[in-house]
Amino acid sequence: INKREREIVAYHEAGHAIVASVLPNADPVRRVSIIPRGIAALGYTIQLPTEDRYLLTKSELLDRMSVMLGGRAAEEIIFGEPSTGAKNDLEKATGMAVSMVKAYGMSKTLGPLSYDRGRQLFLETPWTQPKDYSEETARKIDEEVKAIVGESYEKAKSILIERIEKLKSIASILLDKEIIEGEELKKLLK
């Protein structure tokens, strides 16, 4: 990839890593790399849980979303605009917010209700699946999903703005070394 794209990837991955390292409910970062993996990933941040988990709390889901959005937030802070590199992160964060609202009843506005029908029939897609709620409720679901993702994004952005020098430093090291292991990252963030 060209020099400019490599720099964007370095800041993107540094953004994920810093947000993950700061938030109390995020899994520890094991490795950050700007070495492309396959066709889609131009870099990666690997987090591994310290234990097997079967349940997640609302706080844990929100922290995970902020980590997902940390790459895009870093791009916006440093370059003034995002790139297309955050596509997968946005899909995952949006899907998580939809599940929080529709399946897990974790919505401030809609309360502890489930709007998820569970399994879809073979021929149903998300667009053809019958809704068990009104258009007004669908609008509220959309608004709540947007608010949750927006708040998670702003949280990531705030964390990175407070640590702008660390962001620049870690991106610079990534551009030089291409990989930072978890222990080294911890030392750099102290």
N, C-alpha and C. Protein backbone atom coordinates (compact mmCIF):
# COMPACT_ATOMS: atom_id res chain seq x y z
N ILE A 1 0.86 -1.19 0.00
CA ILE A 1 0.00 0.00 0.00
C ILE A 1 0.89 1.24 0.00
N ASN A 2 0.34 2.36 -0.47
CA ASN A 2 1.15 3.56 -0.57
C ASN A 2 1.39 4.19 0.81
N LYS A 3 2.32 5.13 0.85
CA LYS A 3 2.76 5.74 2.11
C LYS A 3 1.59 6.39 2.87
N ARG A 4 0.75 7.11 2.19
CA ARG A 4 -0.38 7.80 2.83
C ARG A 4 -1.35 6.78 3.46
N GLU A 5 -1.70 5.75 2.71
CA GLU A 5 -2.61 4.72 3.24
C GLU A 5 -1.99 3.99 4.42
N ARG A 6 -0.69 3.73 4.35
CA ARG A 6 0.01 3.07 5.44
C ARG A 6 -0.07 3.92 6.72
N GLU A 7 0.07 5.22 6.55
CA GLU A 7 -0.03 6.15 7.69
C GLU A 7 -1.44 6.14 8.28
N ILE A 8 -2.45 6.13 7.42
CA ILE A 8 -3.84 6.07 7.89
C ILE A 8 -4.07 4.77 8.67
N VAL A 9 -3.58 3.67 8.15
CA VAL A 9 -3.73 2.37 8.83
C VAL A 9 -3.04 2.40 10.19
N ALA A 10 -1.86 2.99 10.26
CA ALA A 10 -1.13 3.06 11.53
C ALA A 10 -1.93 3.83 12.58
N TYR A 11 -2.48 4.96 12.21
CA TYR A 11 -3.29 5.73 13.16
C TYR A 11 -4.58 4.99 13.51
N HIS A 12 -5.16 4.35 12.53
CA HIS A 12 -6.40 3.59 12.75
C HIS A 12 -6.16 2.50 13.80
N GLU A 13 -5.13 1.71 13.61
CA GLU A 13 -4.84 0.61 14.55
C GLU A 13 -4.39 1.14 15.91
N ALA A 14 -3.62 2.22 15.91
CA ALA A 14 -3.22 2.83 17.18
C ALA A 14 -4.46 3.32 17.94
N GLY A 15 -5.44 3.82 17.21
CA GLY A 15 -6.69 4.26 17.84
C GLY A 15 -7.42 3.12 18.53
N HIS A 16 -7.55 1.99 17.84
CA HIS A 16 -8.16 0.81 18.46
C HIS A 16 -7.40 0.42 19.73
N ALA A 17 -6.08 0.35 19.61
CA ALA A 17 -5.25 -0.14 20.71
C ALA A 17 -5.33 0.76 21.94
N ILE A 18 -5.28 2.07 21.73
CA ILE A 18 -5.32 2.99 22.87
C ILE A 18 -6.68 2.94 23.55
N VAL A 19 -7.75 2.97 22.79
CA VAL A 19 -9.09 2.92 23.39
C VAL A 19 -9.27 1.61 24.16
N ALA A 20 -8.82 0.51 23.58
CA ALA A 20 -8.93 -0.79 24.26
C ALA A 20 -8.11 -0.82 25.55
N SER A 21 -6.97 -0.17 25.54
CA SER A 21 -6.10 -0.17 26.71
C SER A 21 -6.63 0.70 27.84
N VAL A 22 -7.45 1.67 27.52
CA VAL A 22 -7.96 2.62 28.52
C VAL A 22 -9.27 2.15 29.15
N LEU A 23 -10.14 1.54 28.37
CA LEU A 23 -11.47 1.20 28.88
C LEU A 23 -11.43 -0.02 29.80
N PRO A 24 -12.11 0.06 30.93
CA PRO A 24 -12.01 -1.00 31.95
C PRO A 24 -12.62 -2.34 31.52
N ASN A 25 -13.58 -2.30 30.62
CA ASN A 25 -14.26 -3.54 30.23
C ASN A 25 -13.77 -4.13 28.92
N ALA A 26 -12.69 -3.58 28.37
CA ALA A 26 -12.17 -4.07 27.09
C ALA A 26 -11.16 -5.19 27.35
N ASP A 27 -11.12 -6.16 26.44
CA ASP A 27 -10.14 -7.23 26.54
C ASP A 27 -8.74 -6.67 26.28
N PRO A 28 -7.72 -7.25 26.92
CA PRO A 28 -6.35 -6.76 26.74
C PRO A 28 -5.87 -6.89 25.29
N VAL A 29 -5.09 -5.91 24.87
CA VAL A 29 -4.50 -5.92 23.53
C VAL A 29 -3.27 -6.82 23.56
N ARG A 30 -3.22 -7.78 22.65
CA ARG A 30 -2.08 -8.70 22.56
C ARG A 30 -1.10 -8.29 21.46
N ARG A 31 -1.61 -7.69 20.39
CA ARG A 31 -0.75 -7.29 19.29
C ARG A 31 -1.48 -6.25 18.44
N VAL A 32 -0.68 -5.31 17.93
CA VAL A 32 -1.16 -4.32 16.98
C VAL A 32 -0.23 -4.39 15.79
N SER A 33 -0.79 -4.41 14.58
CA SER A 33 0.04 -4.55 13.39
C SER A 33 -0.52 -3.75 12.23
N ILE A 34 0.40 -3.29 11.38
CA ILE A 34 -0.03 -2.66 10.13
C ILE A 34 0.40 -3.52 8.94
N ILE A 35 0.65 -4.79 9.22
CA ILE A 35 0.94 -5.73 8.14
C ILE A 35 -0.41 -6.25 7.63
N PRO A 36 -0.70 -6.08 6.34
CA PRO A 36 -2.00 -6.52 5.81
C PRO A 36 -2.25 -8.00 6.04
N ARG A 37 -3.51 -8.32 6.36
CA ARG A 37 -3.96 -9.71 6.52
C ARG A 37 -5.03 -9.98 5.47
N GLY A 38 -4.72 -10.77 4.50
CA GLY A 38 -5.70 -11.09 3.46
C GLY A 38 -6.00 -9.89 2.59
N ILE A 39 -7.15 -9.93 1.98
CA ILE A 39 -7.55 -8.88 1.05
C ILE A 39 -8.16 -7.69 1.77
N ALA A 40 -8.94 -7.95 2.81
CA ALA A 40 -9.73 -6.90 3.43
C ALA A 40 -9.00 -6.10 4.50
N ALA A 41 -8.21 -6.75 5.36
CA ALA A 41 -7.63 -6.07 6.51
C ALA A 41 -6.24 -5.52 6.18
N LEU A 42 -6.09 -4.20 6.25
CA LEU A 42 -4.80 -3.58 5.99
C LEU A 42 -3.94 -3.53 7.25
N GLY A 43 -4.55 -3.82 8.38
CA GLY A 43 -3.86 -3.88 9.66
C GLY A 43 -4.80 -4.56 10.64
N TYR A 44 -4.32 -4.79 11.87
CA TYR A 44 -5.21 -5.44 12.84
C TYR A 44 -4.75 -5.17 14.26
N THR A 45 -5.70 -5.24 15.17
CA THR A 45 -5.45 -5.16 16.60
C THR A 45 -6.07 -6.40 17.20
N ILE A 46 -5.24 -7.22 17.83
CA ILE A 46 -5.74 -8.47 18.42
C ILE A 46 -5.94 -8.27 19.91
N GLN A 47 -7.15 -8.57 20.35
CA GLN A 47 -7.47 -8.56 21.77
C GLN A 47 -7.87 -9.98 22.15
N LEU A 48 -7.39 -10.45 23.27
CA LEU A 48 -7.77 -11.78 23.74
C LEU A 48 -8.33 -11.66 25.14
N PRO A 49 -9.47 -12.28 25.37
CA PRO A 49 -10.05 -12.23 26.71
C PRO A 49 -9.17 -12.97 27.72
N THR A 50 -9.24 -12.53 28.96
CA THR A 50 -8.46 -13.19 30.00
C THR A 50 -9.16 -14.45 30.51
N GLU A 51 -10.45 -14.60 30.18
CA GLU A 51 -11.22 -15.78 30.59
C GLU A 51 -12.37 -16.00 29.61
N ASP A 52 -12.91 -17.22 29.60
CA ASP A 52 -14.08 -17.50 28.76
C ASP A 52 -15.26 -16.71 29.29
N ARG A 53 -16.04 -16.15 28.37
CA ARG A 53 -17.20 -15.35 28.77
C ARG A 53 -18.44 -15.88 28.05
N TYR A 54 -19.54 -15.90 28.76
CA TYR A 54 -20.80 -16.35 28.18
C TYR A 54 -21.86 -15.27 28.21
N LEU A 55 -21.64 -14.27 29.06
CA LEU A 55 -22.56 -13.14 29.17
C LEU A 55 -21.76 -11.85 29.10
N LEU A 56 -22.39 -10.82 28.56
CA LEU A 56 -21.78 -9.49 28.53
C LEU A 56 -22.77 -8.49 29.11
N THR A 57 -22.27 -7.55 29.88
CA THR A 57 -23.12 -6.50 30.43
C THR A 57 -23.23 -5.36 29.43
N LYS A 58 -24.14 -4.47 29.71
CA LYS A 58 -24.31 -3.29 28.86
C LYS A 58 -23.02 -2.48 28.81
N SER A 59 -22.37 -2.28 29.96
CA SER A 59 -21.11 -1.52 30.01
C SER A 59 -20.04 -2.18 29.15
N GLU A 60 -19.97 -3.50 29.20
CA GLU A 60 -18.98 -4.22 28.40
C GLU A 60 -19.26 -4.07 26.90
N LEU A 61 -20.51 -4.14 26.52
CA LEU A 61 -20.87 -3.96 25.11
C LEU A 61 -20.54 -2.54 24.64
N LEU A 62 -20.83 -1.55 25.47
CA LEU A 62 -20.54 -0.17 25.10
C LEU A 62 -19.03 0.06 24.95
N ASP A 63 -18.24 -0.52 25.86
CA ASP A 63 -16.78 -0.39 25.74
C ASP A 63 -16.27 -1.08 24.48
N ARG A 64 -16.82 -2.23 24.16
CA ARG A 64 -16.41 -2.93 22.93
C ARG A 64 -16.72 -2.08 21.70
N MET A 65 -17.87 -1.43 21.70
CA MET A 65 -18.22 -0.56 20.57
C MET A 65 -17.25 0.60 20.47
N SER A 66 -16.89 1.19 21.59
CA SER A 66 -15.93 2.31 21.55
C SER A 66 -14.59 1.85 20.99
N VAL A 67 -14.15 0.65 21.35
CA VAL A 67 -12.90 0.11 20.80
C VAL A 67 -13.04 -0.06 19.29
N MET A 68 -14.16 -0.62 18.84
CA MET A 68 -14.39 -0.81 17.40
C MET A 68 -14.31 0.52 16.65
N LEU A 69 -14.80 1.58 17.28
CA LEU A 69 -14.87 2.88 16.62
C LEU A 69 -13.62 3.73 16.84
N GLY A 70 -12.68 3.22 17.65
CA GLY A 70 -11.46 3.96 17.94
C GLY A 70 -10.60 4.21 16.71
N GLY A 71 -10.61 3.30 15.76
CA GLY A 71 -9.83 3.48 14.54
C GLY A 71 -10.35 4.63 13.71
N ARG A 72 -11.64 4.65 13.51
CA ARG A 72 -12.25 5.74 12.73
C ARG A 72 -12.07 7.07 13.44
N ALA A 73 -12.22 7.08 14.77
CA ALA A 73 -12.05 8.31 15.53
C ALA A 73 -10.63 8.85 15.37
N ALA A 74 -9.63 7.96 15.41
CA ALA A 74 -8.23 8.38 15.23
C ALA A 74 -8.03 9.01 13.86
N GLU A 75 -8.61 8.40 12.84
CA GLU A 75 -8.49 8.95 11.48
C GLU A 75 -9.07 10.36 11.42
N GLU A 76 -10.23 10.54 12.02
CA GLU A 76 -10.88 11.85 11.97
C GLU A 76 -10.06 12.89 12.73
N ILE A 77 -9.52 12.51 13.88
CA ILE A 77 -8.72 13.44 14.68
C ILE A 77 -7.46 13.87 13.93
N ILE A 78 -6.76 12.92 13.35
CA ILE A 78 -5.46 13.20 12.72
C ILE A 78 -5.61 13.76 11.31
N PHE A 79 -6.49 13.21 10.52
CA PHE A 79 -6.57 13.58 9.10
C PHE A 79 -7.77 14.47 8.77
N GLY A 80 -8.65 14.69 9.75
CA GLY A 80 -9.79 15.57 9.53
C GLY A 80 -10.97 14.91 8.84
N GLU A 81 -10.81 13.65 8.47
CA GLU A 81 -11.90 12.91 7.84
C GLU A 81 -11.61 11.42 7.95
N PRO A 82 -12.67 10.60 7.92
CA PRO A 82 -12.46 9.15 7.99
C PRO A 82 -12.19 8.58 6.60
N SER A 83 -11.67 7.35 6.59
CA SER A 83 -11.47 6.63 5.33
C SER A 83 -12.48 5.49 5.25
N THR A 84 -12.40 4.72 4.19
CA THR A 84 -13.27 3.56 4.03
C THR A 84 -12.80 2.38 4.86
N GLY A 85 -11.66 2.52 5.53
CA GLY A 85 -11.07 1.42 6.30
C GLY A 85 -11.89 0.97 7.50
N ALA A 86 -12.83 1.80 7.93
CA ALA A 86 -13.62 1.47 9.12
C ALA A 86 -14.92 0.74 8.80
N LYS A 87 -15.10 0.33 7.56
CA LYS A 87 -16.37 -0.31 7.14
C LYS A 87 -16.77 -1.46 8.05
N ASN A 88 -15.86 -2.41 8.26
CA ASN A 88 -16.18 -3.58 9.08
C ASN A 88 -16.44 -3.19 10.53
N ASP A 89 -15.66 -2.24 11.05
CA ASP A 89 -15.87 -1.77 12.42
C ASP A 89 -17.26 -1.16 12.58
N LEU A 90 -17.67 -0.37 11.59
CA LEU A 90 -19.00 0.26 11.64
C LEU A 90 -20.11 -0.78 11.59
N GLU A 91 -19.94 -1.78 10.74
CA GLU A 91 -20.94 -2.85 10.64
C GLU A 91 -21.08 -3.58 11.97
N LYS A 92 -19.95 -3.92 12.60
CA LYS A 92 -19.99 -4.63 13.87
C LYS A 92 -20.60 -3.78 14.98
N ALA A 93 -20.19 -2.52 15.06
CA ALA A 93 -20.71 -1.64 16.11
C ALA A 93 -22.20 -1.40 15.94
N THR A 94 -22.63 -1.20 14.71
CA THR A 94 -24.05 -0.99 14.45
C THR A 94 -24.85 -2.26 14.78
N GLY A 95 -24.33 -3.41 14.38
CA GLY A 95 -25.00 -4.67 14.70
C GLY A 95 -25.12 -4.89 16.20
N MET A 96 -24.08 -4.53 16.93
CA MET A 96 -24.10 -4.69 18.38
C MET A 96 -25.15 -3.76 19.00
N ALA A 97 -25.22 -2.52 18.51
CA ALA A 97 -26.21 -1.58 19.02
C ALA A 97 -27.63 -2.04 18.69
N VAL A 98 -27.83 -2.57 17.50
CA VAL A 98 -29.15 -3.11 17.13
C VAL A 98 -29.54 -4.24 18.07
N SER A 99 -28.62 -5.13 18.35
CA SER A 99 -28.90 -6.23 19.28
C SER A 99 -29.21 -5.71 20.68
N MET A 100 -28.47 -4.71 21.12
CA MET A 100 -28.72 -4.14 22.44
C MET A 100 -30.16 -3.62 22.55
N VAL A 101 -30.61 -2.95 21.50
CA VAL A 101 -31.94 -2.33 21.51
C VAL A 101 -33.03 -3.36 21.23
N LYS A 102 -32.86 -4.16 20.18
CA LYS A 102 -33.93 -5.05 19.73
C LYS A 102 -34.00 -6.36 20.48
N ALA A 103 -32.85 -6.90 20.91
CA ALA A 103 -32.86 -8.24 21.52
C ALA A 103 -32.67 -8.22 23.03
N TYR A 104 -31.78 -7.34 23.51
CA TYR A 104 -31.40 -7.40 24.92
C TYR A 104 -32.12 -6.41 25.82
N GLY A 105 -32.99 -5.57 25.27
CA GLY A 105 -33.73 -4.61 26.09
C GLY A 105 -32.83 -3.62 26.81
N MET A 106 -31.72 -3.21 26.18
CA MET A 106 -30.76 -2.30 26.80
C MET A 106 -30.90 -0.88 26.26
N SER A 107 -32.11 -0.44 26.06
CA SER A 107 -32.37 0.88 25.52
C SER A 107 -32.97 1.79 26.59
N LYS A 108 -32.39 2.98 26.73
CA LYS A 108 -32.93 3.96 27.66
C LYS A 108 -34.35 4.36 27.25
N THR A 109 -34.54 4.57 25.97
CA THR A 109 -35.81 5.07 25.45
C THR A 109 -36.90 4.01 25.42
N LEU A 110 -36.57 2.82 24.92
CA LEU A 110 -37.58 1.79 24.72
C LEU A 110 -37.74 0.85 25.92
N GLY A 111 -36.75 0.87 26.80
CA GLY A 111 -36.86 0.07 28.01
C GLY A 111 -36.58 -1.41 27.81
N PRO A 112 -36.89 -2.20 28.84
CA PRO A 112 -36.57 -3.63 28.83
C PRO A 112 -37.57 -4.47 28.02
N LEU A 113 -37.58 -4.21 26.73
CA LEU A 113 -38.45 -4.95 25.82
C LEU A 113 -37.61 -5.57 24.71
N SER A 114 -38.08 -6.67 24.16
CA SER A 114 -37.40 -7.29 23.03
C SER A 114 -38.25 -7.12 21.77
N TYR A 115 -37.61 -6.63 20.73
CA TYR A 115 -38.29 -6.47 19.44
C TYR A 115 -37.70 -7.43 18.42
N ASP A 116 -37.00 -8.42 18.91
CA ASP A 116 -36.32 -9.39 18.06
C ASP A 116 -37.18 -10.65 17.97
N ARG A 117 -37.50 -11.05 16.76
CA ARG A 117 -38.34 -12.24 16.59
C ARG A 117 -37.56 -13.54 16.73
N GLY A 118 -36.29 -13.45 16.96
CA GLY A 118 -35.51 -14.69 17.05
C GLY A 118 -35.12 -15.18 15.68
N ARG A 119 -35.25 -16.46 15.46
CA ARG A 119 -34.84 -17.06 14.18
C ARG A 119 -35.68 -16.55 13.04
N GLN A 120 -35.00 -16.33 11.93
CA GLN A 120 -35.70 -15.94 10.72
C GLN A 120 -36.02 -17.21 9.92
N LEU A 121 -37.10 -17.15 9.20
CA LEU A 121 -37.41 -18.24 8.29
C LEU A 121 -36.42 -18.21 7.13
N PHE A 122 -36.29 -19.30 6.43
CA PHE A 122 -35.31 -19.44 5.37
C PHE A 122 -35.39 -18.32 4.33
N LEU A 123 -36.58 -17.93 3.93
CA LEU A 123 -36.74 -16.94 2.87
C LEU A 123 -36.73 -15.50 3.36
N GLU A 124 -36.72 -15.31 4.68
CA GLU A 124 -36.76 -13.95 5.21
C GLU A 124 -35.37 -13.33 5.24
N THR A 125 -35.29 -12.08 4.90
CA THR A 125 -34.07 -11.28 5.07
C THR A 125 -34.43 -10.21 6.09
N PRO A 126 -33.45 -9.47 6.59
CA PRO A 126 -33.81 -8.40 7.52
C PRO A 126 -34.83 -7.41 6.95
N TRP A 127 -34.89 -7.29 5.61
CA TRP A 127 -35.80 -6.33 5.00
C TRP A 127 -37.20 -6.91 4.78
N THR A 128 -37.30 -8.23 4.64
CA THR A 128 -38.61 -8.83 4.41
C THR A 128 -39.19 -9.46 5.67
N GLN A 129 -38.39 -9.50 6.73
CA GLN A 129 -38.87 -10.11 7.97
C GLN A 129 -40.02 -9.27 8.53
N PRO A 130 -41.14 -9.91 8.83
CA PRO A 130 -42.27 -9.15 9.38
C PRO A 130 -41.90 -8.52 10.72
N LYS A 131 -42.42 -7.32 10.94
CA LYS A 131 -42.15 -6.63 12.19
C LYS A 131 -43.34 -6.81 13.12
N ASP A 132 -43.04 -6.99 14.39
CA ASP A 132 -44.09 -7.10 15.40
C ASP A 132 -44.27 -5.78 16.13
N TYR A 133 -43.94 -4.68 15.45
CA TYR A 133 -44.05 -3.37 16.06
C TYR A 133 -44.37 -2.33 15.00
N SER A 134 -44.78 -1.17 15.46
CA SER A 134 -45.23 -0.11 14.56
C SER A 134 -44.07 0.63 13.90
N GLU A 135 -44.41 1.42 12.91
CA GLU A 135 -43.40 2.26 12.25
C GLU A 135 -42.83 3.28 13.24
N GLU A 136 -43.65 3.75 14.15
CA GLU A 136 -43.20 4.68 15.19
C GLU A 136 -42.14 4.01 16.07
N THR A 137 -42.36 2.77 16.44
CA THR A 137 -41.39 2.03 17.23
C THR A 137 -40.13 1.77 16.40
N ALA A 138 -40.29 1.45 15.12
CA ALA A 138 -39.13 1.25 14.24
C ALA A 138 -38.28 2.52 14.19
N ARG A 139 -38.93 3.67 14.12
CA ARG A 139 -38.22 4.95 14.11
C ARG A 139 -37.46 5.15 15.42
N LYS A 140 -38.10 4.81 16.54
CA LYS A 140 -37.43 4.94 17.85
C LYS A 140 -36.24 4.00 17.96
N ILE A 141 -36.39 2.79 17.41
CA ILE A 141 -35.28 1.83 17.41
C ILE A 141 -34.10 2.42 16.62
N ASP A 142 -34.39 2.95 15.43
CA ASP A 142 -33.34 3.56 14.61
C ASP A 142 -32.66 4.71 15.35
N GLU A 143 -33.44 5.55 16.01
CA GLU A 143 -32.88 6.68 16.74
C GLU A 143 -32.01 6.22 17.90
N GLU A 144 -32.46 5.20 18.61
CA GLU A 144 -31.70 4.70 19.75
C GLU A 144 -30.40 4.04 19.31
N VAL A 145 -30.44 3.28 18.22
CA VAL A 145 -29.22 2.67 17.68
C VAL A 145 -28.23 3.77 17.30
N LYS A 146 -28.72 4.79 16.62
CA LYS A 146 -27.86 5.91 16.22
C LYS A 146 -27.26 6.59 17.45
N ALA A 147 -28.04 6.78 18.49
CA ALA A 147 -27.55 7.44 19.71
C ALA A 147 -26.48 6.59 20.40
N ILE A 148 -26.71 5.29 20.50
CA ILE A 148 -25.74 4.40 21.16
C ILE A 148 -24.42 4.39 20.40
N VAL A 149 -24.46 4.24 19.09
CA VAL A 149 -23.24 4.23 18.30
C VAL A 149 -22.56 5.60 18.38
N GLY A 150 -23.35 6.66 18.31
CA GLY A 150 -22.79 8.02 18.40
C GLY A 150 -22.09 8.28 19.73
N GLU A 151 -22.71 7.84 20.82
CA GLU A 151 -22.09 8.02 22.14
C GLU A 151 -20.81 7.20 22.26
N SER A 152 -20.81 6.00 21.73
CA SER A 152 -19.60 5.16 21.77
C SER A 152 -18.48 5.77 20.94
N TYR A 153 -18.83 6.36 19.81
CA TYR A 153 -17.85 7.02 18.96
C TYR A 153 -17.25 8.23 19.66
N GLU A 154 -18.11 9.04 20.27
CA GLU A 154 -17.64 10.24 20.97
C GLU A 154 -16.75 9.87 22.16
N LYS A 155 -17.07 8.77 22.82
CA LYS A 155 -16.24 8.29 23.93
C LYS A 155 -14.85 7.94 23.41
N ALA A 156 -14.78 7.21 22.31
CA ALA A 156 -13.49 6.84 21.71
C ALA A 156 -12.71 8.09 21.31
N LYS A 157 -13.39 9.02 20.70
CA LYS A 157 -12.76 10.25 20.23
C LYS A 157 -12.20 11.05 21.41
N SER A 158 -12.96 11.14 22.48
CA SER A 158 -12.52 11.86 23.67
C SER A 158 -11.27 11.23 24.28
N ILE A 159 -11.27 9.91 24.37
CA ILE A 159 -10.10 9.18 24.91
C ILE A 159 -8.86 9.49 24.07
N LEU A 160 -9.02 9.51 22.76
CA LEU A 160 -7.87 9.72 21.88
C LEU A 160 -7.41 11.18 21.89
N ILE A 161 -8.33 12.11 21.97
CA ILE A 161 -7.94 13.53 22.04
C ILE A 161 -7.13 13.78 23.31
N GLU A 162 -7.54 13.17 24.41
CA GLU A 162 -6.81 13.32 25.68
C GLU A 162 -5.41 12.70 25.58
N ARG A 163 -5.23 11.76 24.68
CA ARG A 163 -3.95 11.04 24.55
C ARG A 163 -3.35 11.23 23.16
N ILE A 164 -3.49 12.41 22.62
CA ILE A 164 -3.07 12.68 21.24
C ILE A 164 -1.57 12.40 21.03
N GLU A 165 -0.74 12.73 22.00
CA GLU A 165 0.70 12.49 21.85
C GLU A 165 1.00 11.00 21.84
N LYS A 166 0.29 10.24 22.67
CA LYS A 166 0.47 8.77 22.67
C LYS A 166 0.00 8.20 21.33
N LEU A 167 -1.07 8.73 20.80
CA LEU A 167 -1.58 8.27 19.50
C LEU A 167 -0.52 8.48 18.42
N LYS A 168 0.06 9.67 18.40
CA LYS A 168 1.10 9.97 17.40
C LYS A 168 2.32 9.08 17.60
N SER A 169 2.70 8.87 18.84
CA SER A 169 3.87 8.06 19.15
C SER A 169 3.68 6.61 18.73
N ILE A 170 2.53 6.04 19.07
CA ILE A 170 2.27 4.64 18.74
C ILE A 170 2.15 4.45 17.23
N ALA A 171 1.50 5.39 16.55
CA ALA A 171 1.40 5.30 15.09
C ALA A 171 2.80 5.36 14.46
N SER A 172 3.65 6.23 15.00
CA SER A 172 5.01 6.35 14.48
C SER A 172 5.80 5.05 14.67
N ILE A 173 5.66 4.44 15.83
CA ILE A 173 6.34 3.17 16.09
C ILE A 173 5.81 2.08 15.15
N LEU A 174 4.51 2.07 14.92
CA LEU A 174 3.93 1.09 13.99
C LEU A 174 4.48 1.30 12.57
N LEU A 175 4.61 2.54 12.17
CA LEU A 175 5.15 2.82 10.84
C LEU A 175 6.59 2.33 10.72
N ASP A 176 7.31 2.38 11.83
CA ASP A 176 8.70 1.95 11.83
C ASP A 176 8.84 0.43 11.98
N LYS A 177 8.17 -0.14 12.97
CA LYS A 177 8.34 -1.56 13.31
C LYS A 177 7.28 -2.49 12.73
N GLU A 178 6.12 -1.95 12.39
CA GLU A 178 4.96 -2.65 11.84
C GLU A 178 4.16 -3.47 12.85
N ILE A 179 4.77 -3.88 13.95
CA ILE A 179 4.07 -4.67 14.97
C ILE A 179 4.48 -4.16 16.35
N ILE A 180 3.48 -4.06 17.24
CA ILE A 180 3.74 -3.78 18.65
C ILE A 180 3.03 -4.87 19.43
N GLU A 181 3.79 -5.57 20.28
CA GLU A 181 3.21 -6.61 21.13
C GLU A 181 2.56 -5.96 22.36
N GLY A 182 1.65 -6.69 22.99
CA GLY A 182 0.87 -6.17 24.10
C GLY A 182 1.67 -5.61 25.25
N GLU A 183 2.73 -6.29 25.65
CA GLU A 183 3.55 -5.81 26.78
C GLU A 183 4.24 -4.49 26.44
N GLU A 184 4.75 -4.39 25.22
CA GLU A 184 5.40 -3.14 24.78
C GLU A 184 4.37 -2.01 24.75
N LEU A 185 3.16 -2.30 24.28
CA LEU A 185 2.11 -1.30 24.23
C LEU A 185 1.80 -0.78 25.64
N LYS A 186 1.72 -1.68 26.60
CA LYS A 186 1.47 -1.27 27.99
C LYS A 186 2.53 -0.29 28.47
N LYS A 187 3.78 -0.58 28.17
CA LYS A 187 4.88 0.30 28.59
C LYS A 187 4.77 1.67 27.90
N LEU A 188 4.41 1.66 26.64
CA LEU A 188 4.30 2.91 25.89
C LEU A 188 3.16 3.79 26.41
N LEU A 189 2.13 3.17 26.94
CA LEU A 189 0.95 3.92 27.40
C LEU A 189 1.08 4.40 28.84
N LYS A 190 2.13 3.97 29.55
CA LYS A 190 2.31 4.43 30.93
C LYS A 190 2.85 5.84 30.97
